[in-house]
């Protein structure tokens, strides 16, 4: 089970945040856009942390805020009756840009070789694509597999803070480098797991 499969239980956290956003007059699409801004900020902090390691703490905070706003936009859409295909489409597009921004920041900062980063990017995109293809085939959005987006964001936040505390390399790579390598492997496994699940249902 991935953290993405616990979305229904996340309402206990997202509900109060969505209520606060509603009181402020924010829309679900605005929350999605704000989440992208935090992802871009995380990317910038990752890049700058190559020379100032304390900025990794800021990067971790930005990733955390991206996750919070990404969680809240859907809750706000359901709360205000604005959940529709257009908003869902925008949310998925923004999530993919956010994923690539954060990963690019790590790669350009030199935490991992570009080849590993490139393969990780392919795995992340395939994982999302296959999950949404289930929805396109009228099977419902599928979040299963080894590592979903929520798992990935949680791992990134933890590894980023750990890398700030221990910046030395381990067997040639820093902690963030090993994280990206793990994401590369697990995302491709997840994509295959999702493909297998959907294939059987078809």
C-alpha atoms as a PDB file:
ATOM      1  CA  UNK A   1       0.000   0.000   0.000  1.00  0.00           C
ATOM      2  CA  UNK A   2       1.255   3.494  -0.830  1.00  0.00           C
ATOM      3  CA  UNK A   3       0.446   6.708   1.002  1.00  0.00           C
ATOM      4  CA  UNK A   4      -1.601   7.777  -2.047  1.00  0.00           C
ATOM      5  CA  UNK A   5      -4.082   5.030  -1.171  1.00  0.00           C
ATOM      6  CA  UNK A   6      -4.748   6.762   2.179  1.00  0.00           C
ATOM      7  CA  UNK A   7      -6.146   9.886   0.530  1.00  0.00           C
ATOM      8  CA  UNK A   8      -9.606   9.369   2.013  1.00  0.00           C
ATOM      9  CA  UNK A   9      -8.130   9.342   5.536  1.00  0.00           C
ATOM     10  CA  UNK A  10      -6.206  12.553   4.840  1.00  0.00           C
ATOM     11  CA  UNK A  11      -9.476  14.491   5.070  1.00  0.00           C
ATOM     12  CA  UNK A  12      -8.842  14.938   8.799  1.00  0.00           C
ATOM     13  CA  UNK A  13      -5.851  17.119   7.883  1.00  0.00           C
ATOM     14  CA  UNK A  14      -7.043  18.597   4.601  1.00  0.00           C
ATOM     15  CA  UNK A  15     -10.541  19.451   5.838  1.00  0.00           C
ATOM     16  CA  UNK A  16      -9.569  22.239   8.274  1.00  0.00           C
ATOM     17  CA  UNK A  17      -7.032  23.619   5.768  1.00  0.00           C
ATOM     18  CA  UNK A  18      -9.671  23.655   3.037  1.00  0.00           C
ATOM     19  CA  UNK A  19     -12.080  25.444   5.381  1.00  0.00           C
ATOM     20  CA  UNK A  20      -9.434  28.097   6.069  1.00  0.00           C
ATOM     21  CA  UNK A  21      -8.763  28.500   2.340  1.00  0.00           C
ATOM     22  CA  UNK A  22     -12.487  28.911   1.701  1.00  0.00           C
ATOM     23  CA  UNK A  23     -12.708  31.646   4.320  1.00  0.00           C
ATOM     24  CA  UNK A  24      -9.839  33.437   2.580  1.00  0.00           C
ATOM     25  CA  UNK A  25     -11.710  33.253  -0.719  1.00  0.00           C
ATOM     26  CA  UNK A  26      -9.166  31.017  -2.434  1.00  0.00           C
ATOM     27  CA  UNK A  27     -10.172  28.633  -5.223  1.00  0.00           C
ATOM     28  CA  UNK A  28      -8.895  25.076  -5.765  1.00  0.00           C
ATOM     29  CA  UNK A  29      -7.061  26.148  -8.921  1.00  0.00           C
ATOM     30  CA  UNK A  30      -5.339  28.943  -7.023  1.00  0.00           C
ATOM     31  CA  UNK A  31      -4.142  26.436  -4.422  1.00  0.00           C
ATOM     32  CA  UNK A  32      -2.810  24.233  -7.226  1.00  0.00           C
ATOM     33  CA  UNK A  33      -0.929  27.211  -8.675  1.00  0.00           C
ATOM     34  CA  UNK A  34       0.500  28.077  -5.247  1.00  0.00           C
ATOM     35  CA  UNK A  35       1.712  24.488  -4.861  1.00  0.00           C
ATOM     36  CA  UNK A  36       3.644  24.908  -8.124  1.00  0.00           C
ATOM     37  CA  UNK A  37       5.264  28.092  -6.811  1.00  0.00           C
ATOM     38  CA  UNK A  38       6.507  26.170  -3.773  1.00  0.00           C
ATOM     39  CA  UNK A  39       7.885  23.437  -6.060  1.00  0.00           C
ATOM     40  CA  UNK A  40       9.769  26.066  -8.087  1.00  0.00           C
ATOM     41  CA  UNK A  41      11.111  27.554  -4.858  1.00  0.00           C
ATOM     42  CA  UNK A  42      12.238  24.091  -3.732  1.00  0.00           C
ATOM     43  CA  UNK A  43      14.062  23.644  -7.030  1.00  0.00           C
ATOM     44  CA  UNK A  44      15.850  26.969  -6.572  1.00  0.00           C
ATOM     45  CA  UNK A  45      16.846  26.128  -2.988  1.00  0.00           C
ATOM     46  CA  UNK A  46      18.189  22.731  -4.089  1.00  0.00           C
ATOM     47  CA  UNK A  47      20.309  24.435  -6.729  1.00  0.00           C
ATOM     48  CA  UNK A  48      21.608  27.062  -4.296  1.00  0.00           C
ATOM     49  CA  UNK A  49      22.316  24.453  -1.629  1.00  0.00           C
ATOM     50  CA  UNK A  50      25.246  23.175  -3.691  1.00  0.00           C
ATOM     51  CA  UNK A  51      27.228  26.078  -2.231  1.00  0.00           C
ATOM     52  CA  UNK A  52      25.168  26.768   0.916  1.00  0.00           C
ATOM     53  CA  UNK A  53      24.030  23.510   2.479  1.00  0.00           C
ATOM     54  CA  UNK A  54      21.703  25.194   4.998  1.00  0.00           C
ATOM     55  CA  UNK A  55      19.373  25.961   2.101  1.00  0.00           C
ATOM     56  CA  UNK A  56      18.442  22.281   2.088  1.00  0.00           C
ATOM     57  CA  UNK A  57      16.277  23.031   5.113  1.00  0.00           C
ATOM     58  CA  UNK A  58      14.442  25.635   3.043  1.00  0.00           C
ATOM     59  CA  UNK A  59      14.124  23.144   0.186  1.00  0.00           C
ATOM     60  CA  UNK A  60      12.584  20.589   2.566  1.00  0.00           C
ATOM     61  CA  UNK A  61      10.124  23.211   3.824  1.00  0.00           C
ATOM     62  CA  UNK A  62       9.123  24.130   0.267  1.00  0.00           C
ATOM     63  CA  UNK A  63       8.535  20.471  -0.638  1.00  0.00           C
ATOM     64  CA  UNK A  64       6.418  20.105   2.486  1.00  0.00           C
ATOM     65  CA  UNK A  65       4.334  23.156   1.549  1.00  0.00           C
ATOM     66  CA  UNK A  66       3.938  21.831  -1.988  1.00  0.00           C
ATOM     67  CA  UNK A  67       2.538  18.604  -0.544  1.00  0.00           C
ATOM     68  CA  UNK A  68       0.185  20.462   1.819  1.00  0.00           C
ATOM     69  CA  UNK A  69      -1.265  22.689  -0.904  1.00  0.00           C
ATOM     70  CA  UNK A  70      -1.539  19.742  -3.299  1.00  0.00           C
ATOM     71  CA  UNK A  71      -3.515  17.877  -0.651  1.00  0.00           C
ATOM     72  CA  UNK A  72      -5.728  20.856   0.142  1.00  0.00           C
ATOM     73  CA  UNK A  73      -6.760  21.855  -3.408  1.00  0.00           C
ATOM     74  CA  UNK A  74      -8.769  18.656  -3.886  1.00  0.00           C
ATOM     75  CA  UNK A  75     -10.335  18.938  -0.441  1.00  0.00           C
ATOM     76  CA  UNK A  76     -11.371  22.516  -1.192  1.00  0.00           C
ATOM     77  CA  UNK A  77     -12.837  21.481  -4.569  1.00  0.00           C
ATOM     78  CA  UNK A  78     -14.977  18.817  -2.890  1.00  0.00           C
ATOM     79  CA  UNK A  79     -15.967  21.157  -0.071  1.00  0.00           C
ATOM     80  CA  UNK A  80     -17.129  23.930  -2.411  1.00  0.00           C
ATOM     81  CA  UNK A  81     -18.643  21.656  -5.070  1.00  0.00           C
ATOM     82  CA  UNK A  82     -16.060  22.728  -7.635  1.00  0.00           C
ATOM     83  CA  UNK A  83     -14.566  19.301  -8.304  1.00  0.00           C
ATOM     84  CA  UNK A  84     -14.658  18.896 -12.076  1.00  0.00           C
ATOM     85  CA  UNK A  85     -12.586  17.330 -14.887  1.00  0.00           C
ATOM     86  CA  UNK A  86     -11.010  20.698 -15.739  1.00  0.00           C
ATOM     87  CA  UNK A  87      -9.644  21.175 -12.239  1.00  0.00           C
ATOM     88  CA  UNK A  88      -8.507  17.553 -12.050  1.00  0.00           C
ATOM     89  CA  UNK A  89      -6.659  17.950 -15.341  1.00  0.00           C
ATOM     90  CA  UNK A  90      -4.948  21.149 -14.147  1.00  0.00           C
ATOM     91  CA  UNK A  91      -3.965  19.479 -10.878  1.00  0.00           C
ATOM     92  CA  UNK A  92      -2.298  16.555 -12.680  1.00  0.00           C
ATOM     93  CA  UNK A  93      -0.400  18.856 -15.053  1.00  0.00           C
ATOM     94  CA  UNK A  94       0.840  21.019 -12.178  1.00  0.00           C
ATOM     95  CA  UNK A  95       1.873  17.946 -10.192  1.00  0.00           C
ATOM     96  CA  UNK A  96       4.038  16.718 -13.087  1.00  0.00           C
ATOM     97  CA  UNK A  97       5.712  20.114 -13.482  1.00  0.00           C
ATOM     98  CA  UNK A  98       6.268  20.202  -9.716  1.00  0.00           C
ATOM     99  CA  UNK A  99       7.843  16.732  -9.769  1.00  0.00           C
ATOM    100  CA  UNK A 100      10.210  17.695 -12.586  1.00  0.00           C
ATOM    101  CA  UNK A 101      11.138  21.025 -10.996  1.00  0.00           C
ATOM    102  CA  UNK A 102      12.140  19.440  -7.698  1.00  0.00           C
ATOM    103  CA  UNK A 103      14.044  16.620  -9.382  1.00  0.00           C
ATOM    104  CA  UNK A 104      15.826  19.046 -11.711  1.00  0.00           C
ATOM    105  CA  UNK A 105      16.957  21.139  -8.755  1.00  0.00           C
ATOM    106  CA  UNK A 106      18.651  18.099  -7.232  1.00  0.00           C
ATOM    107  CA  UNK A 107      20.261  17.087 -10.524  1.00  0.00           C
ATOM    108  CA  UNK A 108      21.559  20.562 -11.415  1.00  0.00           C
ATOM    109  CA  UNK A 109      22.912  20.969  -7.878  1.00  0.00           C
ATOM    110  CA  UNK A 110      25.046  17.893  -8.500  1.00  0.00           C
ATOM    111  CA  UNK A 111      23.539  15.570  -5.925  1.00  0.00           C
ATOM    112  CA  UNK A 112      23.155  12.829  -8.524  1.00  0.00           C
ATOM    113  CA  UNK A 113      24.511  12.172 -12.047  1.00  0.00           C
ATOM    114  CA  UNK A 114      22.216  13.454 -14.783  1.00  0.00           C
ATOM    115  CA  UNK A 115      21.787   9.924 -16.191  1.00  0.00           C
ATOM    116  CA  UNK A 116      20.204   8.687 -12.957  1.00  0.00           C
ATOM    117  CA  UNK A 117      18.084  11.824 -12.749  1.00  0.00           C
ATOM    118  CA  UNK A 118      16.920  11.325 -16.337  1.00  0.00           C
ATOM    119  CA  UNK A 119      15.883   7.720 -15.689  1.00  0.00           C
ATOM    120  CA  UNK A 120      14.131   8.781 -12.485  1.00  0.00           C
ATOM    121  CA  UNK A 121      12.187  11.418 -14.421  1.00  0.00           C
ATOM    122  CA  UNK A 122      11.042   8.805 -16.942  1.00  0.00           C
ATOM    123  CA  UNK A 123       9.930   6.502 -14.127  1.00  0.00           C
ATOM    124  CA  UNK A 124       7.978   9.263 -12.370  1.00  0.00           C
ATOM    125  CA  UNK A 125       6.197  10.260 -15.573  1.00  0.00           C
ATOM    126  CA  UNK A 126       5.372   6.648 -16.496  1.00  0.00           C
ATOM    127  CA  UNK A 127       4.027   5.936 -13.015  1.00  0.00           C
ATOM    128  CA  UNK A 128       1.635   8.869 -13.254  1.00  0.00           C
ATOM    129  CA  UNK A 129       0.712   8.174 -16.879  1.00  0.00           C
ATOM    130  CA  UNK A 130      -0.226   4.547 -16.286  1.00  0.00           C
ATOM    131  CA  UNK A 131      -2.269   5.493 -13.211  1.00  0.00           C
ATOM    132  CA  UNK A 132      -4.274   8.056 -15.164  1.00  0.00           C
ATOM    133  CA  UNK A 133      -4.684   5.681 -18.110  1.00  0.00           C
ATOM    134  CA  UNK A 134      -6.762   3.472 -15.819  1.00  0.00           C
ATOM    135  CA  UNK A 135      -9.087   6.429 -15.358  1.00  0.00           C
ATOM    136  CA  UNK A 136      -9.220   7.016 -19.117  1.00  0.00           C
ATOM    137  CA  UNK A 137     -10.187   3.350 -19.558  1.00  0.00           C
ATOM    138  CA  UNK A 138     -13.091   3.811 -17.123  1.00  0.00           C
ATOM    139  CA  UNK A 139     -11.354   1.720 -14.437  1.00  0.00           C
ATOM    140  CA  UNK A 140     -10.902   4.580 -11.983  1.00  0.00           C
ATOM    141  CA  UNK A 141      -7.690   6.354 -11.019  1.00  0.00           C
ATOM    142  CA  UNK A 142      -5.184   3.789  -9.733  1.00  0.00           C
ATOM    143  CA  UNK A 143      -2.663   4.784  -7.055  1.00  0.00           C
ATOM    144  CA  UNK A 144      -1.224   1.363  -6.202  1.00  0.00           C
ATOM    145  CA  UNK A 145       2.303   0.059  -6.471  1.00  0.00           C
ATOM    146  CA  UNK A 146       5.532   0.431  -4.532  1.00  0.00           C
ATOM    147  CA  UNK A 147       5.835   4.228  -4.571  1.00  0.00           C
ATOM    148  CA  UNK A 148       3.205   6.859  -5.311  1.00  0.00           C
ATOM    149  CA  UNK A 149       3.613  10.630  -5.279  1.00  0.00           C
ATOM    150  CA  UNK A 150       2.828  10.974  -1.579  1.00  0.00           C
ATOM    151  CA  UNK A 151       5.479   8.377  -0.715  1.00  0.00           C
ATOM    152  CA  UNK A 152       7.967  10.151  -2.959  1.00  0.00           C
ATOM    153  CA  UNK A 153       7.365  13.561  -1.386  1.00  0.00           C
ATOM    154  CA  UNK A 154       7.656  12.131   2.137  1.00  0.00           C
ATOM    155  CA  UNK A 155      10.946  10.439   1.218  1.00  0.00           C
ATOM    156  CA  UNK A 156      12.262  13.634  -0.393  1.00  0.00           C
ATOM    157  CA  UNK A 157      11.488  15.719   2.703  1.00  0.00           C
ATOM    158  CA  UNK A 158      13.207  13.228   5.026  1.00  0.00           C
ATOM    159  CA  UNK A 159      16.238  12.721   2.756  1.00  0.00           C
ATOM    160  CA  UNK A 160      16.660  16.458   2.222  1.00  0.00           C
ATOM    161  CA  UNK A 161      16.785  17.140   5.966  1.00  0.00           C
ATOM    162  CA  UNK A 162      19.117  14.166   6.450  1.00  0.00           C
ATOM    163  CA  UNK A 163      21.443  15.441   3.716  1.00  0.00           C
ATOM    164  CA  UNK A 164      21.578  18.830   5.431  1.00  0.00           C
ATOM    165  CA  UNK A 165      22.560  17.151   8.684  1.00  0.00           C
ATOM    166  CA  UNK A 166      25.042  14.792   7.029  1.00  0.00           C
ATOM    167  CA  UNK A 167      26.398  16.336   3.806  1.00  0.00           C
ATOM    168  CA  UNK A 168      29.177  13.777   3.305  1.00  0.00           C
ATOM    169  CA  UNK A 169      28.942  11.192   0.564  1.00  0.00           C
ATOM    170  CA  UNK A 170      28.222   7.522   1.174  1.00  0.00           C
ATOM    171  CA  UNK A 171      29.846   5.180  -1.361  1.00  0.00           C
ATOM    172  CA  UNK A 172      30.207   8.063  -3.806  1.00  0.00           C
ATOM    173  CA  UNK A 173      26.799   9.698  -3.477  1.00  0.00           C
ATOM    174  CA  UNK A 174      25.201  12.020  -0.911  1.00  0.00           C
ATOM    175  CA  UNK A 175      21.944  10.989   0.745  1.00  0.00           C
ATOM    176  CA  UNK A 176      19.874  12.896  -1.833  1.00  0.00           C
ATOM    177  CA  UNK A 177      21.745  11.150  -4.623  1.00  0.00           C
ATOM    178  CA  UNK A 178      20.872   7.758  -3.172  1.00  0.00           C
ATOM    179  CA  UNK A 179      17.279   8.917  -2.798  1.00  0.00           C
ATOM    180  CA  UNK A 180      17.030   9.801  -6.494  1.00  0.00           C
ATOM    181  CA  UNK A 181      18.547   6.419  -7.360  1.00  0.00           C
ATOM    182  CA  UNK A 182      15.926   4.752  -5.151  1.00  0.00           C
ATOM    183  CA  UNK A 183      13.183   6.804  -6.814  1.00  0.00           C
ATOM    184  CA  UNK A 184      14.519   5.746 -10.220  1.00  0.00           C
ATOM    185  CA  UNK A 185      14.274   2.065  -9.312  1.00  0.00           C
ATOM    186  CA  UNK A 186      11.026   2.165  -7.344  1.00  0.00           C
ATOM    187  CA  UNK A 187       9.170   4.321  -9.873  1.00  0.00           C
ATOM    188  CA  UNK A 188       9.865   1.884 -12.691  1.00  0.00           C
ATOM    189  CA  UNK A 189       8.806  -1.016 -10.478  1.00  0.00           C
ATOM    190  CA  UNK A 190       5.646   0.908  -9.590  1.00  0.00           C
ATOM    191  CA  UNK A 191       4.924   1.592 -13.260  1.00  0.00           C
ATOM    192  CA  UNK A 192       5.202  -2.127 -14.025  1.00  0.00           C
ATOM    193  CA  UNK A 193       3.001  -3.005 -11.030  1.00  0.00           C
ATOM    194  CA  UNK A 194       0.341  -0.570 -12.203  1.00  0.00           C
ATOM    195  CA  UNK A 195       0.570  -1.861 -15.761  1.00  0.00           C
ATOM    196  CA  UNK A 196       0.128  -5.432 -14.534  1.00  0.00           C
ATOM    197  CA  UNK A 197      -2.854  -4.512 -12.345  1.00  0.00           C
ATOM    198  CA  UNK A 198      -4.626  -2.600 -15.114  1.00  0.00           C
ATOM    199  CA  UNK A 199      -3.842  -5.271 -17.718  1.00  0.00           C
ATOM    200  CA  UNK A 200      -5.447  -7.936 -15.536  1.00  0.00           C
ATOM    201  CA  UNK A 201      -8.556  -5.816 -15.022  1.00  0.00           C
ATOM    202  CA  UNK A 202      -8.890  -5.317 -18.755  1.00  0.00           C
END
